[in-house]
Amino acid sequence: MKVRDKLYKKWLITRNYVFLNKYKLYRNKIAIINKIYRDCFYNDILIKSDNTKKIWNNINLLINKKRPSSHIEKLQVDNQQTKTISLHRSL
């Protein structure tokens, strides 16, 4: 990541397209490696799950099903207070 950031800084300073192309190539290689690593990690988790309960627990962990929802205590519009609002993220 440091190399990628240094290449980007060099391009910002010099505006030389050689550095821009090197940066893009390096960035894309990092993205590909991260995708491969992420896929292997998720596959390992699912393969290590022996029964269906473990599989679903791991799937729920991966999709972060139990994330906290945003909760707004008060909302005041034009000096009028509204009721409590709960915002839920949809998938």
PDB file of N, CA and C in Angstrom:
ATOM      1  N   MET A   1       0.818  -1.191   0.000  1.00  0.00           N
ATOM      2  CA  MET A   1       0.000   0.000   0.000  1.00  0.00           C
ATOM      3  C   MET A   1       0.867   1.263   0.000  1.00  0.00           C
ATOM      4  N   LYS A   2       1.997   1.182   0.689  1.00  0.00           N
ATOM      5  CA  LYS A   2       2.883   2.346   0.729  1.00  0.00           C
ATOM      6  C   LYS A   2       3.426   2.667  -0.657  1.00  0.00           C
ATOM      7  N   VAL A   3       3.772   1.612  -1.396  1.00  0.00           N
ATOM      8  CA  VAL A   3       4.310   1.820  -2.744  1.00  0.00           C
ATOM      9  C   VAL A   3       3.254   2.475  -3.625  1.00  0.00           C
ATOM     10  N   ARG A   4       2.022   1.980  -3.516  1.00  0.00           N
ATOM     11  CA  ARG A   4       0.928   2.563  -4.301  1.00  0.00           C
ATOM     12  C   ARG A   4       0.746   4.043  -3.973  1.00  0.00           C
ATOM     13  N   ASP A   5       0.771   4.363  -2.681  1.00  0.00           N
ATOM     14  CA  ASP A   5       0.592   5.757  -2.261  1.00  0.00           C
ATOM     15  C   ASP A   5       1.747   6.641  -2.727  1.00  0.00           C
ATOM     16  N   LYS A   6       2.965   6.098  -2.695  1.00  0.00           N
ATOM     17  CA  LYS A   6       4.120   6.870  -3.161  1.00  0.00           C
ATOM     18  C   LYS A   6       4.032   7.146  -4.658  1.00  0.00           C
ATOM     19  N   LEU A   7       3.599   6.141  -5.413  1.00  0.00           N
ATOM     20  CA  LEU A   7       3.437   6.351  -6.855  1.00  0.00           C
ATOM     21  C   LEU A   7       2.379   7.410  -7.136  1.00  0.00           C
ATOM     22  N   TYR A   8       1.316   7.397  -6.373  1.00  0.00           N
ATOM     23  CA  TYR A   8       0.267   8.396  -6.570  1.00  0.00           C
ATOM     24  C   TYR A   8       0.775   9.794  -6.221  1.00  0.00           C
ATOM     25  N   LYS A   9       1.543   9.903  -5.136  1.00  0.00           N
ATOM     26  CA  LYS A   9       2.104  11.206  -4.761  1.00  0.00           C
ATOM     27  C   LYS A   9       3.057  11.725  -5.840  1.00  0.00           C
ATOM     28  N   LYS A  10       3.873  10.817  -6.395  1.00  0.00           N
ATOM     29  CA  LYS A  10       4.784  11.229  -7.467  1.00  0.00           C
ATOM     30  C   LYS A  10       4.001  11.763  -8.655  1.00  0.00           C
ATOM     31  N   TRP A  11       2.900  11.078  -8.981  1.00  0.00           N
ATOM     32  CA  TRP A  11       2.095  11.555 -10.097  1.00  0.00           C
ATOM     33  C   TRP A  11       1.461  12.911  -9.783  1.00  0.00           C
ATOM     34  N   LEU A  12       0.986  13.098  -8.558  1.00  0.00           N
ATOM     35  CA  LEU A  12       0.381  14.379  -8.196  1.00  0.00           C
ATOM     36  C   LEU A  12       1.382  15.526  -8.300  1.00  0.00           C
ATOM     37  N   ILE A  13       2.605  15.266  -7.885  1.00  0.00           N
ATOM     38  CA  ILE A  13       3.627  16.315  -7.898  1.00  0.00           C
ATOM     39  C   ILE A  13       4.092  16.610  -9.319  1.00  0.00           C
ATOM     40  N   THR A  14       4.391  15.564 -10.081  1.00  0.00           N
ATOM     41  CA  THR A  14       4.993  15.763 -11.401  1.00  0.00           C
ATOM     42  C   THR A  14       3.981  15.830 -12.539  1.00  0.00           C
ATOM     43  N   ARG A  15       2.826  15.230 -12.358  1.00  0.00           N
ATOM     44  CA  ARG A  15       1.812  15.091 -13.412  1.00  0.00           C
ATOM     45  C   ARG A  15       2.382  14.387 -14.643  1.00  0.00           C
ATOM     46  N   ASN A  16       3.349  13.498 -14.371  1.00  0.00           N
ATOM     47  CA  ASN A  16       3.957  12.689 -15.418  1.00  0.00           C
ATOM     48  C   ASN A  16       3.114  11.417 -15.568  1.00  0.00           C
ATOM     49  N   TYR A  17       2.647  11.156 -16.778  1.00  0.00           N
ATOM     50  CA  TYR A  17       1.739  10.037 -16.991  1.00  0.00           C
ATOM     51  C   TYR A  17       2.415   8.677 -16.857  1.00  0.00           C
ATOM     52  N   VAL A  18       3.734   8.641 -16.848  1.00  0.00           N
ATOM     53  CA  VAL A  18       4.449   7.390 -16.577  1.00  0.00           C
ATOM     54  C   VAL A  18       4.137   6.941 -15.154  1.00  0.00           C
ATOM     55  N   PHE A  19       4.174   7.883 -14.210  1.00  0.00           N
ATOM     56  CA  PHE A  19       3.857   7.558 -12.820  1.00  0.00           C
ATOM     57  C   PHE A  19       2.380   7.201 -12.664  1.00  0.00           C
ATOM     58  N   LEU A  20       1.523   7.857 -13.421  1.00  0.00           N
ATOM     59  CA  LEU A  20       0.093   7.543 -13.360  1.00  0.00           C
ATOM     60  C   LEU A  20      -0.158   6.116 -13.826  1.00  0.00           C
ATOM     61  N   ASN A  21       0.478   5.716 -14.921  1.00  0.00           N
ATOM     62  CA  ASN A  21       0.303   4.359 -15.433  1.00  0.00           C
ATOM     63  C   ASN A  21       0.857   3.319 -14.469  1.00  0.00           C
ATOM     64  N   LYS A  22       2.027   3.608 -13.864  1.00  0.00           N
ATOM     65  CA  LYS A  22       2.593   2.694 -12.870  1.00  0.00           C
ATOM     66  C   LYS A  22       1.661   2.568 -11.671  1.00  0.00           C
ATOM     67  N   TYR A  23       1.109   3.701 -11.248  1.00  0.00           N
ATOM     68  CA  TYR A  23       0.184   3.707 -10.114  1.00  0.00           C
ATOM     69  C   TYR A  23      -1.046   2.862 -10.430  1.00  0.00           C
ATOM     70  N   LYS A  24      -1.619   3.040 -11.609  1.00  0.00           N
ATOM     71  CA  LYS A  24      -2.824   2.298 -11.977  1.00  0.00           C
ATOM     72  C   LYS A  24      -2.559   0.797 -12.047  1.00  0.00           C
ATOM     73  N   LEU A  25      -1.410   0.420 -12.624  1.00  0.00           N
ATOM     74  CA  LEU A  25      -1.062  -1.001 -12.694  1.00  0.00           C
ATOM     75  C   LEU A  25      -0.912  -1.597 -11.294  1.00  0.00           C
ATOM     76  N   TYR A  26      -0.211  -0.884 -10.429  1.00  0.00           N
ATOM     77  CA  TYR A  26       0.015  -1.366  -9.066  1.00  0.00           C
ATOM     78  C   TYR A  26      -1.303  -1.440  -8.302  1.00  0.00           C
ATOM     79  N   ARG A  27      -2.152  -0.412  -8.449  1.00  0.00           N
ATOM     80  CA  ARG A  27      -3.458  -0.383  -7.784  1.00  0.00           C
ATOM     81  C   ARG A  27      -4.314  -1.565  -8.226  1.00  0.00           C
ATOM     82  N   ASN A  28      -4.318  -1.853  -9.524  1.00  0.00           N
ATOM     83  CA  ASN A  28      -5.124  -2.956 -10.040  1.00  0.00           C
ATOM     84  C   ASN A  28      -4.608  -4.307  -9.557  1.00  0.00           C
ATOM     85  N   LYS A  29      -3.277  -4.455  -9.473  1.00  0.00           N
ATOM     86  CA  LYS A  29      -2.715  -5.702  -8.950  1.00  0.00           C
ATOM     87  C   LYS A  29      -3.120  -5.901  -7.497  1.00  0.00           C
ATOM     88  N   ILE A  30      -3.078  -4.840  -6.713  1.00  0.00           N
ATOM     89  CA  ILE A  30      -3.487  -4.925  -5.308  1.00  0.00           C
ATOM     90  C   ILE A  30      -4.959  -5.314  -5.211  1.00  0.00           C
ATOM     91  N   ALA A  31      -5.798  -4.745  -6.053  1.00  0.00           N
ATOM     92  CA  ALA A  31      -7.229  -5.055  -6.031  1.00  0.00           C
ATOM     93  C   ALA A  31      -7.472  -6.525  -6.368  1.00  0.00           C
ATOM     94  N   ILE A  32      -6.743  -7.042  -7.350  1.00  0.00           N
ATOM     95  CA  ILE A  32      -6.897  -8.446  -7.737  1.00  0.00           C
ATOM     96  C   ILE A  32      -6.451  -9.361  -6.607  1.00  0.00           C
ATOM     97  N   ILE A  33      -5.317  -9.048  -5.992  1.00  0.00           N
ATOM     98  CA  ILE A  33      -4.810  -9.860  -4.883  1.00  0.00           C
ATOM     99  C   ILE A  33      -5.784  -9.823  -3.708  1.00  0.00           C
ATOM    100  N   ASN A  34      -6.325  -8.656  -3.401  1.00  0.00           N
ATOM    101  CA  ASN A  34      -7.296  -8.551  -2.306  1.00  0.00           C
ATOM    102  C   ASN A  34      -8.550  -9.369  -2.592  1.00  0.00           C
ATOM    103  N   LYS A  35      -9.005  -9.356  -3.827  1.00  0.00           N
ATOM    104  CA  LYS A  35     -10.202 -10.125  -4.180  1.00  0.00           C
ATOM    105  C   LYS A  35      -9.940 -11.619  -4.036  1.00  0.00           C
ATOM    106  N   ILE A  36      -8.782 -12.081  -4.499  1.00  0.00           N
ATOM    107  CA  ILE A  36      -8.434 -13.498  -4.379  1.00  0.00           C
ATOM    108  C   ILE A  36      -8.334 -13.892  -2.911  1.00  0.00           C
ATOM    109  N   TYR A  37      -7.677 -13.065  -2.111  1.00  0.00           N
ATOM    110  CA  TYR A  37      -7.531 -13.348  -0.685  1.00  0.00           C
ATOM    111  C   TYR A  37      -8.895 -13.396   0.000  1.00  0.00           C
ATOM    112  N   ARG A  38      -9.764 -12.441  -0.318  1.00  0.00           N
ATOM    113  CA  ARG A  38     -11.089 -12.377   0.298  1.00  0.00           C
ATOM    114  C   ARG A  38     -11.906 -13.617  -0.072  1.00  0.00           C
ATOM    115  N   ASP A  39     -11.862 -14.021  -1.341  1.00  0.00           N
ATOM    116  CA  ASP A  39     -12.593 -15.208  -1.773  1.00  0.00           C
ATOM    117  C   ASP A  39     -12.089 -16.458  -1.063  1.00  0.00           C
ATOM    118  N   CYS A  40     -10.772 -16.598  -0.942  1.00  0.00           N
ATOM    119  CA  CYS A  40     -10.198 -17.752  -0.243  1.00  0.00           C
ATOM    120  C   CYS A  40     -10.594 -17.754   1.224  1.00  0.00           C
ATOM    121  N   PHE A  41     -10.575 -16.592   1.840  1.00  0.00           N
ATOM    122  CA  PHE A  41     -10.938 -16.474   3.251  1.00  0.00           C
ATOM    123  C   PHE A  41     -12.381 -16.914   3.472  1.00  0.00           C
ATOM    124  N   TYR A  42     -13.297 -16.418   2.648  1.00  0.00           N
ATOM    125  CA  TYR A  42     -14.708 -16.775   2.799  1.00  0.00           C
ATOM    126  C   TYR A  42     -14.942 -18.248   2.496  1.00  0.00           C
ATOM    127  N   ASN A  43     -14.268 -18.772   1.492  1.00  0.00           N
ATOM    128  CA  ASN A  43     -14.406 -20.195   1.182  1.00  0.00           C
ATOM    129  C   ASN A  43     -13.914 -21.056   2.331  1.00  0.00           C
ATOM    130  N   ASP A  44     -12.792 -20.679   2.950  1.00  0.00           N
ATOM    131  CA  ASP A  44     -12.279 -21.432   4.093  1.00  0.00           C
ATOM    132  C   ASP A  44     -13.270 -21.437   5.244  1.00  0.00           C
ATOM    133  N   ILE A  45     -13.879 -20.303   5.507  1.00  0.00           N
ATOM    134  CA  ILE A  45     -14.851 -20.230   6.597  1.00  0.00           C
ATOM    135  C   ILE A  45     -16.036 -21.148   6.312  1.00  0.00           C
ATOM    136  N   LEU A  46     -16.534 -21.125   5.083  1.00  0.00           N
ATOM    137  CA  LEU A  46     -17.690 -21.957   4.758  1.00  0.00           C
ATOM    138  C   LEU A  46     -17.336 -23.441   4.706  1.00  0.00           C
ATOM    139  N   ILE A  47     -16.140 -23.773   4.270  1.00  0.00           N
ATOM    140  CA  ILE A  47     -15.724 -25.176   4.214  1.00  0.00           C
ATOM    141  C   ILE A  47     -15.551 -25.746   5.616  1.00  0.00           C
ATOM    142  N   LYS A  48     -15.041 -24.941   6.542  1.00  0.00           N
ATOM    143  CA  LYS A  48     -14.809 -25.410   7.906  1.00  0.00           C
ATOM    144  C   LYS A  48     -16.099 -25.573   8.703  1.00  0.00           C
ATOM    145  N   SER A  49     -17.212 -25.094   8.184  1.00  0.00           N
ATOM    146  CA  SER A  49     -18.490 -25.230   8.874  1.00  0.00           C
ATOM    147  C   SER A  49     -19.006 -26.650   8.676  1.00  0.00           C
ATOM    148  N   ASP A  50     -19.166 -27.370   9.792  1.00  0.00           N
ATOM    149  CA  ASP A  50     -19.547 -28.781   9.727  1.00  0.00           C
ATOM    150  C   ASP A  50     -21.036 -28.977   9.456  1.00  0.00           C
ATOM    151  N   ASN A  51     -21.859 -28.239  10.165  1.00  0.00           N
ATOM    152  CA  ASN A  51     -23.295 -28.454  10.029  1.00  0.00           C
ATOM    153  C   ASN A  51     -23.977 -27.175   9.555  1.00  0.00           C
ATOM    154  N   THR A  52     -25.267 -27.285   9.281  1.00  0.00           N
ATOM    155  CA  THR A  52     -25.989 -26.144   8.716  1.00  0.00           C
ATOM    156  C   THR A  52     -26.086 -24.977   9.684  1.00  0.00           C
ATOM    157  N   LYS A  53     -26.162 -25.257  10.977  1.00  0.00           N
ATOM    158  CA  LYS A  53     -26.249 -24.155  11.944  1.00  0.00           C
ATOM    159  C   LYS A  53     -24.970 -23.322  11.905  1.00  0.00           C
ATOM    160  N   LYS A  54     -23.817 -23.987  11.855  1.00  0.00           N
ATOM    161  CA  LYS A  54     -22.547 -23.263  11.770  1.00  0.00           C
ATOM    162  C   LYS A  54     -22.446 -22.493  10.454  1.00  0.00           C
ATOM    163  N   ILE A  55     -22.921 -23.101   9.386  1.00  0.00           N
ATOM    164  CA  ILE A  55     -22.872 -22.427   8.086  1.00  0.00           C
ATOM    165  C   ILE A  55     -23.664 -21.129   8.145  1.00  0.00           C
ATOM    166  N   TRP A  56     -24.890 -21.177   8.683  1.00  0.00           N
ATOM    167  CA  TRP A  56     -25.719 -19.972   8.740  1.00  0.00           C
ATOM    168  C   TRP A  56     -25.159 -18.951   9.715  1.00  0.00           C
ATOM    169  N   ASN A  57     -24.565 -19.406  10.817  1.00  0.00           N
ATOM    170  CA  ASN A  57     -23.912 -18.459  11.732  1.00  0.00           C
ATOM    171  C   ASN A  57     -22.772 -17.734  11.030  1.00  0.00           C
ATOM    172  N   ASN A  58     -21.988 -18.466  10.257  1.00  0.00           N
ATOM    173  CA  ASN A  58     -20.877 -17.848   9.528  1.00  0.00           C
ATOM    174  C   ASN A  58     -21.368 -16.927   8.415  1.00  0.00           C
ATOM    175  N   ILE A  59     -22.420 -17.322   7.728  1.00  0.00           N
ATOM    176  CA  ILE A  59     -22.978 -16.445   6.688  1.00  0.00           C
ATOM    177  C   ILE A  59     -23.467 -15.150   7.311  1.00  0.00           C
ATOM    178  N   ASN A  60     -24.159 -15.249   8.449  1.00  0.00           N
ATOM    179  CA  ASN A  60     -24.643 -14.044   9.122  1.00  0.00           C
ATOM    180  C   ASN A  60     -23.492 -13.174   9.612  1.00  0.00           C
ATOM    181  N   LEU A  61     -22.397 -13.790  10.040  1.00  0.00           N
ATOM    182  CA  LEU A  61     -21.216 -13.012  10.425  1.00  0.00           C
ATOM    183  C   LEU A  61     -20.639 -12.277   9.215  1.00  0.00           C
ATOM    184  N   LEU A  62     -20.579 -12.967   8.088  1.00  0.00           N
ATOM    185  CA  LEU A  62     -19.994 -12.372   6.889  1.00  0.00           C
ATOM    186  C   LEU A  62     -20.815 -11.212   6.352  1.00  0.00           C
ATOM    187  N   ILE A  63     -22.134 -11.327   6.411  1.00  0.00           N
ATOM    188  CA  ILE A  63     -22.962 -10.237   5.890  1.00  0.00           C
ATOM    189  C   ILE A  63     -23.293  -9.217   6.965  1.00  0.00           C
ATOM    190  N   ASN A  64     -22.792  -9.451   8.167  1.00  0.00           N
ATOM    191  CA  ASN A  64     -22.964  -8.510   9.276  1.00  0.00           C
ATOM    192  C   ASN A  64     -24.445  -8.227   9.511  1.00  0.00           C
ATOM    193  N   LYS A  65     -25.202  -9.294   9.701  1.00  0.00           N
ATOM    194  CA  LYS A  65     -26.649  -9.185   9.827  1.00  0.00           C
ATOM    195  C   LYS A  65     -27.076  -8.436  11.084  1.00  0.00           C
ATOM    196  N   LYS A  66     -26.318  -8.549  12.145  1.00  0.00           N
ATOM    197  CA  LYS A  66     -26.712  -7.939  13.413  1.00  0.00           C
ATOM    198  C   LYS A  66     -26.049  -6.591  13.631  1.00  0.00           C
ATOM    199  N   ARG A  67     -25.937  -5.807  12.598  1.00  0.00           N
ATOM    200  CA  ARG A  67     -25.330  -4.490  12.739  1.00  0.00           C
ATOM    201  C   ARG A  67     -26.308  -3.567  13.473  1.00  0.00           C
ATOM    202  N   PRO A  68     -25.785  -2.651  14.225  1.00  0.00           N
ATOM    203  CA  PRO A  68     -26.677  -1.741  14.955  1.00  0.00           C
ATOM    204  C   PRO A  68     -27.370  -0.770  14.001  1.00  0.00           C
ATOM    205  N   SER A  69     -28.592  -0.466  14.325  1.00  0.00           N
ATOM    206  CA  SER A  69     -29.319   0.495  13.496  1.00  0.00           C
ATOM    207  C   SER A  69     -29.124   1.892  14.060  1.00  0.00           C
ATOM    208  N   SER A  70     -29.277   2.870  13.214  1.00  0.00           N
ATOM    209  CA  SER A  70     -29.173   4.255  13.655  1.00  0.00           C
ATOM    210  C   SER A  70     -30.464   4.630  14.362  1.00  0.00           C
ATOM    211  N   HIS A  71     -30.324   5.377  15.426  1.00  0.00           N
ATOM    212  CA  HIS A  71     -31.501   5.764  16.197  1.00  0.00           C
ATOM    213  C   HIS A  71     -31.413   7.256  16.486  1.00  0.00           C
ATOM    214  N   ILE A  72     -32.416   7.996  16.070  1.00  0.00           N
ATOM    215  CA  ILE A  72     -32.455   9.442  16.289  1.00  0.00           C
ATOM    216  C   ILE A  72     -33.407   9.708  17.442  1.00  0.00           C
ATOM    217  N   GLU A  73     -32.900  10.361  18.473  1.00  0.00           N
ATOM    218  CA  GLU A  73     -33.728  10.655  19.645  1.00  0.00           C
ATOM    219  C   GLU A  73     -34.768  11.723  19.351  1.00  0.00           C
ATOM    220  N   LYS A  74     -34.338  12.848  18.800  1.00  0.00           N
ATOM    221  CA  LYS A  74     -35.242  13.964  18.517  1.00  0.00           C
ATOM    222  C   LYS A  74     -34.945  14.510  17.129  1.00  0.00           C
ATOM    223  N   LEU A  75     -35.979  15.013  16.514  1.00  0.00           N
ATOM    224  CA  LEU A  75     -35.817  15.689  15.242  1.00  0.00           C
ATOM    225  C   LEU A  75     -36.714  16.916  15.269  1.00  0.00           C
ATOM    226  N   GLN A  76     -36.092  18.056  15.074  1.00  0.00           N
ATOM    227  CA  GLN A  76     -36.842  19.300  15.162  1.00  0.00           C
ATOM    228  C   GLN A  76     -36.784  20.014  13.817  1.00  0.00           C
ATOM    229  N   VAL A  77     -37.967  20.268  13.251  1.00  0.00           N
ATOM    230  CA  VAL A  77     -38.069  20.941  11.966  1.00  0.00           C
ATOM    231  C   VAL A  77     -38.988  22.142  12.142  1.00  0.00           C
ATOM    232  N   ASP A  78     -38.481  23.313  11.817  1.00  0.00           N
ATOM    233  CA  ASP A  78     -39.245  24.558  11.951  1.00  0.00           C
ATOM    234  C   ASP A  78     -39.840  24.706  13.349  1.00  0.00           C
ATOM    235  N   ASN A  79     -39.012  24.495  14.350  1.00  0.00           N
ATOM    236  CA  ASN A  79     -39.397  24.613  15.763  1.00  0.00           C
ATOM    237  C   ASN A  79     -40.515  23.662  16.165  1.00  0.00           C
ATOM    238  N   GLN A  80     -40.749  22.609  15.422  1.00  0.00           N
ATOM    239  CA  GLN A  80     -41.722  21.587  15.792  1.00  0.00           C
ATOM    240  C   GLN A  80     -40.978  20.276  15.967  1.00  0.00           C
ATOM    241  N   GLN A  81     -41.194  19.650  17.109  1.00  0.00           N
ATOM    242  CA  GLN A  81     -40.499  18.406  17.403  1.00  0.00           C
ATOM    243  C   GLN A  81     -41.298  17.231  16.849  1.00  0.00           C
ATOM    244  N   THR A  82     -40.598  16.313  16.187  1.00  0.00           N
ATOM    245  CA  THR A  82     -41.256  15.136  15.626  1.00  0.00           C
ATOM    246  C   THR A  82     -41.000  13.941  16.521  1.00  0.00           C
ATOM    247  N   LYS A  83     -41.650  12.838  16.216  1.00  0.00           N
ATOM    248  CA  LYS A  83     -41.500  11.639  17.033  1.00  0.00           C
ATOM    249  C   LYS A  83     -40.165  10.945  16.741  1.00  0.00           C
ATOM    250  N   THR A  84     -39.852   9.934  17.526  1.00  0.00           N
ATOM    251  CA  THR A  84     -38.607   9.183  17.395  1.00  0.00           C
ATOM    252  C   THR A  84     -38.604   8.414  16.077  1.00  0.00           C
ATOM    253  N   ILE A  85     -37.449   8.425  15.425  1.00  0.00           N
ATOM    254  CA  ILE A  85     -37.303   7.768  14.129  1.00  0.00           C
ATOM    255  C   ILE A  85     -36.183   6.740  14.233  1.00  0.00           C
ATOM    256  N   SER A  86     -36.398   5.567  13.694  1.00  0.00           N
ATOM    257  CA  SER A  86     -35.364   4.545  13.643  1.00  0.00           C
ATOM    258  C   SER A  86     -35.058   4.261  12.183  1.00  0.00           C
ATOM    259  N   LEU A  87     -33.794   4.370  11.826  1.00  0.00           N
ATOM    260  CA  LEU A  87     -33.378   4.145  10.446  1.00  0.00           C
ATOM    261  C   LEU A  87     -32.738   2.773  10.337  1.00  0.00           C
ATOM    262  N   HIS A  88     -33.215   1.958   9.417  1.00  0.00           N
ATOM    263  CA  HIS A  88     -32.648   0.631   9.189  1.00  0.00           C
ATOM    264  C   HIS A  88     -32.059   0.594   7.799  1.00  0.00           C
ATOM    265  N   ARG A  89     -30.878   0.004   7.700  1.00  0.00           N
ATOM    266  CA  ARG A  89     -30.252  -0.156   6.395  1.00  0.00           C
ATOM    267  C   ARG A  89     -30.851  -1.380   5.729  1.00  0.00           C
ATOM    268  N   SER A  90     -31.192  -1.266   4.487  1.00  0.00           N
ATOM    269  CA  SER A  90     -31.706  -2.418   3.754  1.00  0.00           C
ATOM    270  C   SER A  90     -30.587  -2.997   2.903  1.00  0.00           C
ATOM    271  N   LEU A  91     -30.681  -4.295   2.648  1.00  0.00           N
ATOM    272  CA  LEU A  91     -29.646  -4.962   1.865  1.00  0.00           C
ATOM    273  C   LEU A  91     -29.891  -4.809   0.428  1.00  0.00           C
TER     274      LEU A  91
END
